Amino acid sequence: NLHPHAWPLYNIIHLIGAKFTKEGIEFSPILPKKKYSFSSLVLGFKRTEDGYSGWYSPLVAGNWKVTLNLNNDEIKQFESLEVNDSKKDISIKGDQIVFYGKSEPNKPLRWKIKKS
């Protein structure tokens, strides 16, 4: 049972498709907008016409798995990935882009993926 005041936050997290897992976080964005952003104490997520970016800041340090679930047409457009300011190879598995990155308390895992 969610408190009525928590519903807007719950609905926004649902629209960006954020799902917390034991390994990290998974995004399945369904909000039908070309540009938007969301920010909370634990995570941030931004969609622009160039791609997606975000950060993940759990209370404990770790190496986290980030998964983006996207449709096949969109997933083919991405050419660059940065995780904590380091360029990484893009790993596409079906309709998912999967990558890993580290965070520490007060030092979130930051990422961005851009189209051509």
PDB file of N, CA and C in Angstrom:
ATOM      1  N   ASN A   1       0.823  -1.192   0.000  1.00  0.00           N
ATOM      2  CA  ASN A   1       0.000   0.000   0.000  1.00  0.00           C
ATOM      3  C   ASN A   1       0.864   1.252   0.000  1.00  0.00           C
ATOM      4  N   LEU A   2       0.803   1.993  -1.058  1.00  0.00           N
ATOM      5  CA  LEU A   2       1.543   3.248  -1.129  1.00  0.00           C
ATOM      6  C   LEU A   2       0.714   4.376  -0.542  1.00  0.00           C
ATOM      7  N   HIS A   3       1.377   5.275   0.115  1.00  0.00           N
ATOM      8  CA  HIS A   3       0.719   6.479   0.598  1.00  0.00           C
ATOM      9  C   HIS A   3       0.309   7.313  -0.614  1.00  0.00           C
ATOM     10  N   PRO A   4      -0.861   7.962  -0.596  1.00  0.00           N
ATOM     11  CA  PRO A   4      -1.316   8.738  -1.756  1.00  0.00           C
ATOM     12  C   PRO A   4      -0.309   9.776  -2.245  1.00  0.00           C
ATOM     13  N   HIS A   5       0.478  10.331  -1.342  1.00  0.00           N
ATOM     14  CA  HIS A   5       1.465  11.327  -1.759  1.00  0.00           C
ATOM     15  C   HIS A   5       2.637  10.701  -2.517  1.00  0.00           C
ATOM     16  N   ALA A   6       2.805   9.390  -2.426  1.00  0.00           N
ATOM     17  CA  ALA A   6       3.894   8.707  -3.134  1.00  0.00           C
ATOM     18  C   ALA A   6       3.511   8.322  -4.558  1.00  0.00           C
ATOM     19  N   TRP A   7       2.230   8.392  -4.900  1.00  0.00           N
ATOM     20  CA  TRP A   7       1.798   7.964  -6.232  1.00  0.00           C
ATOM     21  C   TRP A   7       2.469   8.719  -7.368  1.00  0.00           C
ATOM     22  N   PRO A   8       2.614  10.043  -7.308  1.00  0.00           N
ATOM     23  CA  PRO A   8       3.290  10.716  -8.435  1.00  0.00           C
ATOM     24  C   PRO A   8       4.708  10.206  -8.663  1.00  0.00           C
ATOM     25  N   LEU A   9       5.466   9.977  -7.604  1.00  0.00           N
ATOM     26  CA  LEU A   9       6.824   9.452  -7.742  1.00  0.00           C
ATOM     27  C   LEU A   9       6.789   8.040  -8.314  1.00  0.00           C
ATOM     28  N   TYR A  10       5.889   7.214  -7.819  1.00  0.00           N
ATOM     29  CA  TYR A  10       5.755   5.852  -8.333  1.00  0.00           C
ATOM     30  C   TYR A  10       5.424   5.876  -9.821  1.00  0.00           C
ATOM     31  N   ASN A  11       4.491   6.733 -10.231  1.00  0.00           N
ATOM     32  CA  ASN A  11       4.088   6.800 -11.634  1.00  0.00           C
ATOM     33  C   ASN A  11       5.224   7.283 -12.528  1.00  0.00           C
ATOM     34  N   ILE A  12       6.004   8.243 -12.083  1.00  0.00           N
ATOM     35  CA  ILE A  12       7.126   8.733 -12.883  1.00  0.00           C
ATOM     36  C   ILE A  12       8.168   7.628 -13.045  1.00  0.00           C
ATOM     37  N   ILE A  13       8.493   6.943 -11.980  1.00  0.00           N
ATOM     38  CA  ILE A  13       9.461   5.847 -12.071  1.00  0.00           C
ATOM     39  C   ILE A  13       8.942   4.770 -13.021  1.00  0.00           C
ATOM     40  N   HIS A  14       7.633   4.522 -13.004  1.00  0.00           N
ATOM     41  CA  HIS A  14       7.041   3.550 -13.924  1.00  0.00           C
ATOM     42  C   HIS A  14       7.185   4.015 -15.376  1.00  0.00           C
ATOM     43  N   LEU A  15       6.984   5.303 -15.639  1.00  0.00           N
ATOM     44  CA  LEU A  15       7.060   5.818 -17.009  1.00  0.00           C
ATOM     45  C   LEU A  15       8.475   5.779 -17.580  1.00  0.00           C
ATOM     46  N   ILE A  16       9.487   5.951 -16.747  1.00  0.00           N
ATOM     47  CA  ILE A  16      10.852   5.814 -17.266  1.00  0.00           C
ATOM     48  C   ILE A  16      11.275   4.348 -17.249  1.00  0.00           C
ATOM     49  N   GLY A  17      10.394   3.503 -16.729  1.00  0.00           N
ATOM     50  CA  GLY A  17      10.634   2.067 -16.754  1.00  0.00           C
ATOM     51  C   GLY A  17      11.747   1.613 -15.845  1.00  0.00           C
ATOM     52  N   ALA A  18      11.976   2.314 -14.752  1.00  0.00           N
ATOM     53  CA  ALA A  18      13.056   1.946 -13.836  1.00  0.00           C
ATOM     54  C   ALA A  18      12.634   0.757 -12.979  1.00  0.00           C
ATOM     55  N   LYS A  19      13.509  -0.233 -12.943  1.00  0.00           N
ATOM     56  CA  LYS A  19      13.275  -1.418 -12.123  1.00  0.00           C
ATOM     57  C   LYS A  19      14.579  -1.746 -11.408  1.00  0.00           C
ATOM     58  N   PHE A  20      14.540  -1.739 -10.095  1.00  0.00           N
ATOM     59  CA  PHE A  20      15.721  -2.056  -9.306  1.00  0.00           C
ATOM     60  C   PHE A  20      15.881  -3.573  -9.221  1.00  0.00           C
ATOM     61  N   THR A  21      17.105  -4.041  -9.421  1.00  0.00           N
ATOM     62  CA  THR A  21      17.400  -5.469  -9.335  1.00  0.00           C
ATOM     63  C   THR A  21      18.534  -5.674  -8.333  1.00  0.00           C
ATOM     64  N   LYS A  22      18.824  -6.924  -7.993  1.00  0.00           N
ATOM     65  CA  LYS A  22      19.953  -7.215  -7.103  1.00  0.00           C
ATOM     66  C   LYS A  22      21.270  -6.775  -7.730  1.00  0.00           C
ATOM     67  N   GLU A  23      21.334  -6.844  -9.060  1.00  0.00           N
ATOM     68  CA  GLU A  23      22.573  -6.525  -9.769  1.00  0.00           C
ATOM     69  C   GLU A  23      22.725  -5.043 -10.087  1.00  0.00           C
ATOM     70  N   GLY A  24      21.630  -4.273 -10.030  1.00  0.00           N
ATOM     71  CA  GLY A  24      21.702  -2.852 -10.379  1.00  0.00           C
ATOM     72  C   GLY A  24      20.353  -2.278 -10.741  1.00  0.00           C
ATOM     73  N   ILE A  25      20.244  -1.769 -11.972  1.00  0.00           N
ATOM     74  CA  ILE A  25      19.011  -1.114 -12.393  1.00  0.00           C
ATOM     75  C   ILE A  25      18.745  -1.392 -13.862  1.00  0.00           C
ATOM     76  N   GLU A  26      17.466  -1.468 -14.183  1.00  0.00           N
ATOM     77  CA  GLU A  26      17.031  -1.744 -15.545  1.00  0.00           C
ATOM     78  C   GLU A  26      16.045  -0.652 -15.954  1.00  0.00           C
ATOM     79  N   PHE A  27      16.199  -0.140 -17.165  1.00  0.00           N
ATOM     80  CA  PHE A  27      15.291   0.874 -17.692  1.00  0.00           C
ATOM     81  C   PHE A  27      14.578   0.339 -18.926  1.00  0.00           C
ATOM     82  N   SER A  28      13.266   0.523 -18.959  1.00  0.00           N
ATOM     83  CA  SER A  28      12.442   0.221 -20.130  1.00  0.00           C
ATOM     84  C   SER A  28      11.572   1.448 -20.374  1.00  0.00           C
ATOM     85  N   PRO A  29      12.148   2.516 -20.947  1.00  0.00           N
ATOM     86  CA  PRO A  29      11.409   3.774 -21.065  1.00  0.00           C
ATOM     87  C   PRO A  29      10.194   3.656 -21.979  1.00  0.00           C
ATOM     88  N   ILE A  30       9.032   4.084 -21.453  1.00  0.00           N
ATOM     89  CA  ILE A  30       7.799   4.034 -22.233  1.00  0.00           C
ATOM     90  C   ILE A  30       7.152   5.404 -22.388  1.00  0.00           C
ATOM     91  N   LEU A  31       7.722   6.420 -21.786  1.00  0.00           N
ATOM     92  CA  LEU A  31       7.167   7.767 -21.885  1.00  0.00           C
ATOM     93  C   LEU A  31       7.278   8.240 -23.333  1.00  0.00           C
ATOM     94  N   PRO A  32       6.156   8.564 -23.981  1.00  0.00           N
ATOM     95  CA  PRO A  32       6.186   8.917 -25.409  1.00  0.00           C
ATOM     96  C   PRO A  32       6.620  10.361 -25.668  1.00  0.00           C
ATOM     97  N   LYS A  33       7.776  10.723 -25.191  1.00  0.00           N
ATOM     98  CA  LYS A  33       8.340  12.066 -25.396  1.00  0.00           C
ATOM     99  C   LYS A  33       9.755  11.919 -25.924  1.00  0.00           C
ATOM    100  N   LYS A  34      10.192  12.868 -26.757  1.00  0.00           N
ATOM    101  CA  LYS A  34      11.560  12.822 -27.287  1.00  0.00           C
ATOM    102  C   LYS A  34      12.576  13.358 -26.293  1.00  0.00           C
ATOM    103  N   LYS A  35      12.109  14.201 -25.346  1.00  0.00           N
ATOM    104  CA  LYS A  35      13.011  14.773 -24.342  1.00  0.00           C
ATOM    105  C   LYS A  35      12.314  14.795 -22.989  1.00  0.00           C
ATOM    106  N   TYR A  36      13.009  14.324 -21.974  1.00  0.00           N
ATOM    107  CA  TYR A  36      12.526  14.433 -20.604  1.00  0.00           C
ATOM    108  C   TYR A  36      13.654  14.059 -19.655  1.00  0.00           C
ATOM    109  N   SER A  37      13.476  14.384 -18.389  1.00  0.00           N
ATOM    110  CA  SER A  37      14.462  13.985 -17.390  1.00  0.00           C
ATOM    111  C   SER A  37      13.767  13.749 -16.056  1.00  0.00           C
ATOM    112  N   PHE A  38      14.384  12.909 -15.254  1.00  0.00           N
ATOM    113  CA  PHE A  38      13.907  12.584 -13.922  1.00  0.00           C
ATOM    114  C   PHE A  38      15.116  12.514 -13.006  1.00  0.00           C
ATOM    115  N   SER A  39      14.976  13.041 -11.802  1.00  0.00           N
ATOM    116  CA  SER A  39      16.077  13.006 -10.848  1.00  0.00           C
ATOM    117  C   SER A  39      15.528  12.792  -9.439  1.00  0.00           C
ATOM    118  N   SER A  40      16.157  11.895  -8.704  1.00  0.00           N
ATOM    119  CA  SER A  40      15.826  11.663  -7.302  1.00  0.00           C
ATOM    120  C   SER A  40      17.141  11.478  -6.549  1.00  0.00           C
ATOM    121  N   LEU A  41      17.068  11.125  -5.289  1.00  0.00           N
ATOM    122  CA  LEU A  41      18.291  10.904  -4.517  1.00  0.00           C
ATOM    123  C   LEU A  41      19.044   9.654  -4.959  1.00  0.00           C
ATOM    124  N   VAL A  42      18.337   8.689  -5.535  1.00  0.00           N
ATOM    125  CA  VAL A  42      18.948   7.410  -5.881  1.00  0.00           C
ATOM    126  C   VAL A  42      19.301   7.296  -7.357  1.00  0.00           C
ATOM    127  N   LEU A  43      18.523   7.927  -8.221  1.00  0.00           N
ATOM    128  CA  LEU A  43      18.792   7.776  -9.642  1.00  0.00           C
ATOM    129  C   LEU A  43      18.379   9.001 -10.429  1.00  0.00           C
ATOM    130  N   GLY A  44      19.014   9.133 -11.575  1.00  0.00           N
ATOM    131  CA  GLY A  44      18.655  10.152 -12.544  1.00  0.00           C
ATOM    132  C   GLY A  44      18.571   9.500 -13.910  1.00  0.00           C
ATOM    133  N   PHE A  45      17.670  10.005 -14.745  1.00  0.00           N
ATOM    134  CA  PHE A  45      17.482   9.446 -16.084  1.00  0.00           C
ATOM    135  C   PHE A  45      17.068  10.578 -17.003  1.00  0.00           C
ATOM    136  N   LYS A  46      17.709  10.656 -18.159  1.00  0.00           N
ATOM    137  CA  LYS A  46      17.428  11.741 -19.094  1.00  0.00           C
ATOM    138  C   LYS A  46      17.386  11.196 -20.512  1.00  0.00           C
ATOM    139  N   ARG A  47      16.376  11.620 -21.249  1.00  0.00           N
ATOM    140  CA  ARG A  47      16.292  11.282 -22.668  1.00  0.00           C
ATOM    141  C   ARG A  47      16.367  12.575 -23.461  1.00  0.00           C
ATOM    142  N   THR A  48      17.232  12.588 -24.458  1.00  0.00           N
ATOM    143  CA  THR A  48      17.328  13.710 -25.386  1.00  0.00           C
ATOM    144  C   THR A  48      17.224  13.136 -26.796  1.00  0.00           C
ATOM    145  N   GLU A  49      17.227  14.005 -27.783  1.00  0.00           N
ATOM    146  CA  GLU A  49      17.184  13.523 -29.161  1.00  0.00           C
ATOM    147  C   GLU A  49      18.472  12.791 -29.531  1.00  0.00           C
ATOM    148  N   ASP A  50      19.559  13.040 -28.788  1.00  0.00           N
ATOM    149  CA  ASP A  50      20.852  12.387 -29.042  1.00  0.00           C
ATOM    150  C   ASP A  50      21.008  11.040 -28.352  1.00  0.00           C
ATOM    151  N   GLY A  51      20.175  10.750 -27.349  1.00  0.00           N
ATOM    152  CA  GLY A  51      20.323   9.490 -26.641  1.00  0.00           C
ATOM    153  C   GLY A  51      19.808   9.545 -25.219  1.00  0.00           C
ATOM    154  N   TYR A  52      20.432   8.768 -24.356  1.00  0.00           N
ATOM    155  CA  TYR A  52      20.034   8.653 -22.956  1.00  0.00           C
ATOM    156  C   TYR A  52      21.249   8.864 -22.060  1.00  0.00           C
ATOM    157  N   SER A  53      20.986   9.328 -20.851  1.00  0.00           N
ATOM    158  CA  SER A  53      22.045   9.436 -19.851  1.00  0.00           C
ATOM    159  C   SER A  53      21.413   9.260 -18.481  1.00  0.00           C
ATOM    160  N   GLY A  54      22.269   9.058 -17.493  1.00  0.00           N
ATOM    161  CA  GLY A  54      21.732   8.911 -16.158  1.00  0.00           C
ATOM    162  C   GLY A  54      22.812   8.664 -15.132  1.00  0.00           C
ATOM    163  N   TRP A  55      22.367   8.459 -13.931  1.00  0.00           N
ATOM    164  CA  TRP A  55      23.258   8.128 -12.831  1.00  0.00           C
ATOM    165  C   TRP A  55      22.508   7.249 -11.849  1.00  0.00           C
ATOM    166  N   TYR A  56      23.276   6.470 -11.097  1.00  0.00           N
ATOM    167  CA  TYR A  56      22.729   5.550 -10.111  1.00  0.00           C
ATOM    168  C   TYR A  56      23.577   5.670  -8.861  1.00  0.00           C
ATOM    169  N   SER A  57      22.919   5.963  -7.726  1.00  0.00           N
ATOM    170  CA  SER A  57      23.637   6.242  -6.489  1.00  0.00           C
ATOM    171  C   SER A  57      23.031   5.485  -5.303  1.00  0.00           C
ATOM    172  N   PRO A  58      23.209   4.158  -5.272  1.00  0.00           N
ATOM    173  CA  PRO A  58      22.722   3.423  -4.103  1.00  0.00           C
ATOM    174  C   PRO A  58      23.544   3.783  -2.867  1.00  0.00           C
ATOM    175  N   LEU A  59      23.055   3.400  -1.724  1.00  0.00           N
ATOM    176  CA  LEU A  59      23.731   3.753  -0.470  1.00  0.00           C
ATOM    177  C   LEU A  59      25.032   2.997  -0.249  1.00  0.00           C
ATOM    178  N   VAL A  60      25.221   1.897  -0.957  1.00  0.00           N
ATOM    179  CA  VAL A  60      26.432   1.091  -0.786  1.00  0.00           C
ATOM    180  C   VAL A  60      27.262   1.105  -2.061  1.00  0.00           C
ATOM    181  N   ALA A  61      28.568   0.939  -1.904  1.00  0.00           N
ATOM    182  CA  ALA A  61      29.461   0.864  -3.064  1.00  0.00           C
ATOM    183  C   ALA A  61      29.233  -0.453  -3.792  1.00  0.00           C
ATOM    184  N   GLY A  62      29.521  -0.446  -5.077  1.00  0.00           N
ATOM    185  CA  GLY A  62      29.387  -1.685  -5.830  1.00  0.00           C
ATOM    186  C   GLY A  62      29.679  -1.501  -7.301  1.00  0.00           C
ATOM    187  N   ASN A  63      29.721  -2.608  -7.995  1.00  0.00           N
ATOM    188  CA  ASN A  63      29.834  -2.632  -9.446  1.00  0.00           C
ATOM    189  C   ASN A  63      28.458  -3.053  -9.953  1.00  0.00           C
ATOM    190  N   TRP A  64      27.759  -2.152 -10.632  1.00  0.00           N
ATOM    191  CA  TRP A  64      26.352  -2.329 -10.943  1.00  0.00           C
ATOM    192  C   TRP A  64      26.110  -2.606 -12.419  1.00  0.00           C
ATOM    193  N   LYS A  65      25.121  -3.423 -12.657  1.00  0.00           N
ATOM    194  CA  LYS A  65      24.679  -3.725 -14.021  1.00  0.00           C
ATOM    195  C   LYS A  65      23.563  -2.747 -14.383  1.00  0.00           C
ATOM    196  N   VAL A  66      23.711  -2.088 -15.526  1.00  0.00           N
ATOM    197  CA  VAL A  66      22.679  -1.188 -16.040  1.00  0.00           C
ATOM    198  C   VAL A  66      22.187  -1.781 -17.356  1.00  0.00           C
ATOM    199  N   THR A  67      20.880  -1.917 -17.472  1.00  0.00           N
ATOM    200  CA  THR A  67      20.271  -2.474 -18.672  1.00  0.00           C
ATOM    201  C   THR A  67      19.277  -1.476 -19.237  1.00  0.00           C
ATOM    202  N   LEU A  68      19.390  -1.205 -20.536  1.00  0.00           N
ATOM    203  CA  LEU A  68      18.415  -0.382 -21.253  1.00  0.00           C
ATOM    204  C   LEU A  68      17.660  -1.290 -22.205  1.00  0.00           C
ATOM    205  N   ASN A  69      16.353  -1.389 -22.031  1.00  0.00           N
ATOM    206  CA  ASN A  69      15.504  -2.158 -22.934  1.00  0.00           C
ATOM    207  C   ASN A  69      14.898  -1.193 -23.943  1.00  0.00           C
ATOM    208  N   LEU A  70      15.251  -1.353 -25.206  1.00  0.00           N
ATOM    209  CA  LEU A  70      14.803  -0.442 -26.260  1.00  0.00           C
ATOM    210  C   LEU A  70      14.316  -1.255 -27.454  1.00  0.00           C
ATOM    211  N   ASN A  71      13.536  -0.607 -28.331  1.00  0.00           N
ATOM    212  CA  ASN A  71      13.083  -1.335 -29.516  1.00  0.00           C
ATOM    213  C   ASN A  71      14.223  -1.473 -30.518  1.00  0.00           C
ATOM    214  N   ASN A  72      14.103  -2.442 -31.410  1.00  0.00           N
ATOM    215  CA  ASN A  72      15.183  -2.761 -32.348  1.00  0.00           C
ATOM    216  C   ASN A  72      15.569  -1.595 -33.246  1.00  0.00           C
ATOM    217  N   ASP A  73      14.592  -0.792 -33.681  1.00  0.00           N
ATOM    218  CA  ASP A  73      14.914   0.349 -34.541  1.00  0.00           C
ATOM    219  C   ASP A  73      15.778   1.369 -33.808  1.00  0.00           C
ATOM    220  N   GLU A  74      15.440   1.644 -32.563  1.00  0.00           N
ATOM    221  CA  GLU A  74      16.192   2.641 -31.797  1.00  0.00           C
ATOM    222  C   GLU A  74      17.564   2.115 -31.376  1.00  0.00           C
ATOM    223  N   ILE A  75      17.625   0.875 -30.987  1.00  0.00           N
ATOM    224  CA  ILE A  75      18.869   0.330 -30.430  1.00  0.00           C
ATOM    225  C   ILE A  75      20.010   0.355 -31.447  1.00  0.00           C
ATOM    226  N   LYS A  76      19.693   0.240 -32.719  1.00  0.00           N
ATOM    227  CA  LYS A  76      20.713   0.218 -33.770  1.00  0.00           C
ATOM    228  C   LYS A  76      21.353   1.583 -34.009  1.00  0.00           C
ATOM    229  N   GLN A  77      20.748   2.656 -33.490  1.00  0.00           N
ATOM    230  CA  GLN A  77      21.227   4.015 -33.738  1.00  0.00           C
ATOM    231  C   GLN A  77      22.368   4.443 -32.823  1.00  0.00           C
ATOM    232  N   PHE A  78      22.637   3.710 -31.759  1.00  0.00           N
ATOM    233  CA  PHE A  78      23.622   4.149 -30.778  1.00  0.00           C
ATOM    234  C   PHE A  78      25.037   3.773 -31.195  1.00  0.00           C
ATOM    235  N   GLU A  79      25.947   4.733 -31.009  1.00  0.00           N
ATOM    236  CA  GLU A  79      27.337   4.525 -31.426  1.00  0.00           C
ATOM    237  C   GLU A  79      28.360   4.747 -30.332  1.00  0.00           C
ATOM    238  N   SER A  80      27.998   5.450 -29.257  1.00  0.00           N
ATOM    239  CA  SER A  80      29.004   5.693 -28.217  1.00  0.00           C
ATOM    240  C   SER A  80      28.396   5.527 -26.831  1.00  0.00           C
ATOM    241  N   LEU A  81      29.216   4.979 -25.935  1.00  0.00           N
ATOM    242  CA  LEU A  81      28.826   4.757 -24.549  1.00  0.00           C
ATOM    243  C   LEU A  81      29.947   5.245 -23.656  1.00  0.00           C
ATOM    244  N   GLU A  82      29.580   6.017 -22.640  1.00  0.00           N
ATOM    245  CA  GLU A  82      30.529   6.436 -21.605  1.00  0.00           C
ATOM    246  C   GLU A  82      29.993   6.004 -20.253  1.00  0.00           C
ATOM    247  N   VAL A  83      30.865   5.415 -19.450  1.00  0.00           N
ATOM    248  CA  VAL A  83      30.528   5.017 -18.089  1.00  0.00           C
ATOM    249  C   VAL A  83      31.582   5.624 -17.180  1.00  0.00           C
ATOM    250  N   ASN A  84      31.146   6.474 -16.257  1.00  0.00           N
ATOM    251  CA  ASN A  84      32.066   7.181 -15.356  1.00  0.00           C
ATOM    252  C   ASN A  84      33.194   7.853 -16.142  1.00  0.00           C
ATOM    253  N   ASP A  85      32.816   8.561 -17.197  1.00  0.00           N
ATOM    254  CA  ASP A  85      33.726   9.342 -18.049  1.00  0.00           C
ATOM    255  C   ASP A  85      34.726   8.501 -18.839  1.00  0.00           C
ATOM    256  N   SER A  86      34.508   7.195 -18.932  1.00  0.00           N
ATOM    257  CA  SER A  86      35.366   6.323 -19.743  1.00  0.00           C
ATOM    258  C   SER A  86      34.552   5.747 -20.895  1.00  0.00           C
ATOM    259  N   LYS A  87      35.126   5.794 -22.096  1.00  0.00           N
ATOM    260  CA  LYS A  87      34.444   5.218 -23.255  1.00  0.00           C
ATOM    261  C   LYS A  87      34.451   3.702 -23.141  1.00  0.00           C
ATOM    262  N   LYS A  88      33.311   3.108 -23.473  1.00  0.00           N
ATOM    263  CA  LYS A  88      33.145   1.653 -23.419  1.00  0.00           C
ATOM    264  C   LYS A  88      32.560   1.165 -24.735  1.00  0.00           C
ATOM    265  N   ASP A  89      32.777  -0.110 -25.030  1.00  0.00           N
ATOM    266  CA  ASP A  89      32.115  -0.734 -26.166  1.00  0.00           C
ATOM    267  C   ASP A  89      30.649  -0.953 -25.818  1.00  0.00           C
ATOM    268  N   ILE A  90      29.789  -0.798 -26.820  1.00  0.00           N
ATOM    269  CA  ILE A  90      28.364  -1.030 -26.607  1.00  0.00           C
ATOM    270  C   ILE A  90      28.091  -2.524 -26.761  1.00  0.00           C
ATOM    271  N   SER A  91      27.477  -3.110 -25.745  1.00  0.00           N
ATOM    272  CA  SER A  91      27.114  -4.526 -25.766  1.00  0.00           C
ATOM    273  C   SER A  91      25.604  -4.632 -25.961  1.00  0.00           C
ATOM    274  N   ILE A  92      25.196  -5.102 -27.147  1.00  0.00           N
ATOM    275  CA  ILE A  92      23.776  -5.254 -27.455  1.00  0.00           C
ATOM    276  C   ILE A  92      23.435  -6.736 -27.401  1.00  0.00           C
ATOM    277  N   LYS A  93      22.420  -7.046 -26.598  1.00  0.00           N
ATOM    278  CA  LYS A  93      21.930  -8.421 -26.473  1.00  0.00           C
ATOM    279  C   LYS A  93      20.437  -8.393 -26.773  1.00  0.00           C
ATOM    280  N   GLY A  94      20.075  -8.719 -28.014  1.00  0.00           N
ATOM    281  CA  GLY A  94      18.671  -8.650 -28.417  1.00  0.00           C
ATOM    282  C   GLY A  94      18.212  -7.206 -28.433  1.00  0.00           C
ATOM    283  N   ASP A  95      17.240  -6.883 -27.597  1.00  0.00           N
ATOM    284  CA  ASP A  95      16.742  -5.509 -27.506  1.00  0.00           C
ATOM    285  C   ASP A  95      17.269  -4.795 -26.258  1.00  0.00           C
ATOM    286  N   GLN A  96      18.422  -5.232 -25.760  1.00  0.00           N
ATOM    287  CA  GLN A  96      19.010  -4.645 -24.550  1.00  0.00           C
ATOM    288  C   GLN A  96      20.431  -4.150 -24.796  1.00  0.00           C
ATOM    289  N   ILE A  97      20.730  -3.015 -24.197  1.00  0.00           N
ATOM    290  CA  ILE A  97      22.103  -2.548 -24.073  1.00  0.00           C
ATOM    291  C   ILE A  97      22.468  -2.766 -22.611  1.00  0.00           C
ATOM    292  N   VAL A  98      23.549  -3.490 -22.371  1.00  0.00           N
ATOM    293  CA  VAL A  98      23.950  -3.852 -21.011  1.00  0.00           C
ATOM    294  C   VAL A  98      25.366  -3.359 -20.769  1.00  0.00           C
ATOM    295  N   PHE A  99      25.577  -2.710 -19.627  1.00  0.00           N
ATOM    296  CA  PHE A  99      26.923  -2.301 -19.244  1.00  0.00           C
ATOM    297  C   PHE A  99      27.030  -2.296 -17.727  1.00  0.00           C
ATOM    298  N   TYR A 100      28.268  -2.194 -17.245  1.00  0.00           N
ATOM    299  CA  TYR A 100      28.554  -2.226 -15.811  1.00  0.00           C
ATOM    300  C   TYR A 100      29.353  -0.995 -15.422  1.00  0.00           C
ATOM    301  N   GLY A 101      29.175  -0.558 -14.193  1.00  0.00           N
ATOM    302  CA  GLY A 101      29.947   0.562 -13.688  1.00  0.00           C
ATOM    303  C   GLY A 101      29.933   0.585 -12.174  1.00  0.00           C
ATOM    304  N   LYS A 102      30.920   1.262 -11.619  1.00  0.00           N
ATOM    305  CA  LYS A 102      31.075   1.321 -10.165  1.00  0.00           C
ATOM    306  C   LYS A 102      30.503   2.616  -9.603  1.00  0.00           C
ATOM    307  N   SER A 103      30.036   2.504  -8.373  1.00  0.00           N
ATOM    308  CA  SER A 103      29.628   3.676  -7.599  1.00  0.00           C
ATOM    309  C   SER A 103      30.144   3.514  -6.183  1.00  0.00           C
ATOM    310  N   GLU A 104      30.228   4.635  -5.495  1.00  0.00           N
ATOM    311  CA  GLU A 104      30.569   4.670  -4.078  1.00  0.00           C
ATOM    312  C   GLU A 104      29.607   5.648  -3.426  1.00  0.00           C
ATOM    313  N   PRO A 105      29.462   5.606  -2.110  1.00  0.00           N
ATOM    314  CA  PRO A 105      28.615   6.604  -1.467  1.00  0.00           C
ATOM    315  C   PRO A 105      29.064   8.016  -1.869  1.00  0.00           C
ATOM    316  N   ASN A 106      28.124   8.822  -2.268  1.00  0.00           N
ATOM    317  CA  ASN A 106      28.351  10.201  -2.724  1.00  0.00           C
ATOM    318  C   ASN A 106      29.160  10.291  -4.020  1.00  0.00           C
ATOM    319  N   LYS A 107      29.323   9.187  -4.730  1.00  0.00           N
ATOM    320  CA  LYS A 107      29.992   9.185  -6.032  1.00  0.00           C
ATOM    321  C   LYS A 107      29.233   8.214  -6.942  1.00  0.00           C
ATOM    322  N   PRO A 108      28.161   8.723  -7.584  1.00  0.00           N
ATOM    323  CA  PRO A 108      27.299   7.828  -8.359  1.00  0.00           C
ATOM    324  C   PRO A 108      27.962   7.273  -9.613  1.00  0.00           C
ATOM    325  N   LEU A 109      27.431   6.171 -10.060  1.00  0.00           N
ATOM    326  CA  LEU A 109      27.744   5.632 -11.379  1.00  0.00           C
ATOM    327  C   LEU A 109      27.069   6.567 -12.385  1.00  0.00           C
ATOM    328  N   ARG A 110      27.842   7.122 -13.306  1.00  0.00           N
ATOM    329  CA  ARG A 110      27.295   8.030 -14.329  1.00  0.00           C
ATOM    330  C   ARG A 110      27.504   7.412 -15.698  1.00  0.00           C
ATOM    331  N   TRP A 111      26.514   7.578 -16.565  1.00  0.00           N
ATOM    332  CA  TRP A 111      26.592   6.980 -17.890  1.00  0.00           C
ATOM    333  C   TRP A 111      25.865   7.840 -18.927  1.00  0.00           C
ATOM    334  N   LYS A 112      26.266   7.669 -20.178  1.00  0.00           N
ATOM    335  CA  LYS A 112      25.535   8.279 -21.290  1.00  0.00           C
ATOM    336  C   LYS A 112      25.785   7.473 -22.548  1.00  0.00           C
ATOM    337  N   ILE A 113      24.749   7.363 -23.329  1.00  0.00           N
ATOM    338  CA  ILE A 113      24.813   6.635 -24.588  1.00  0.00           C
ATOM    339  C   ILE A 113      24.232   7.536 -25.669  1.00  0.00           C
ATOM    340  N   LYS A 114      24.992   7.677 -26.758  1.00  0.00           N
ATOM    341  CA  LYS A 114      24.613   8.638 -27.795  1.00  0.00           C
ATOM    342  C   LYS A 114      24.442   7.968 -29.150  1.00  0.00           C
ATOM    343  N   LYS A 115      23.550   8.586 -29.920  1.00  0.00           N
ATOM    344  CA  LYS A 115      23.325   8.150 -31.299  1.00  0.00           C
ATOM    345  C   LYS A 115      24.390   8.758 -32.195  1.00  0.00           C
ATOM    346  N   SER A 116      24.391   8.320 -33.443  1.00  0.00           N
ATOM    347  CA  SER A 116      25.371   8.833 -34.412  1.00  0.00           C
ATOM    348  C   SER A 116      25.167  10.310 -34.697  1.00  0.00           C
TER     349      SER A 116
END
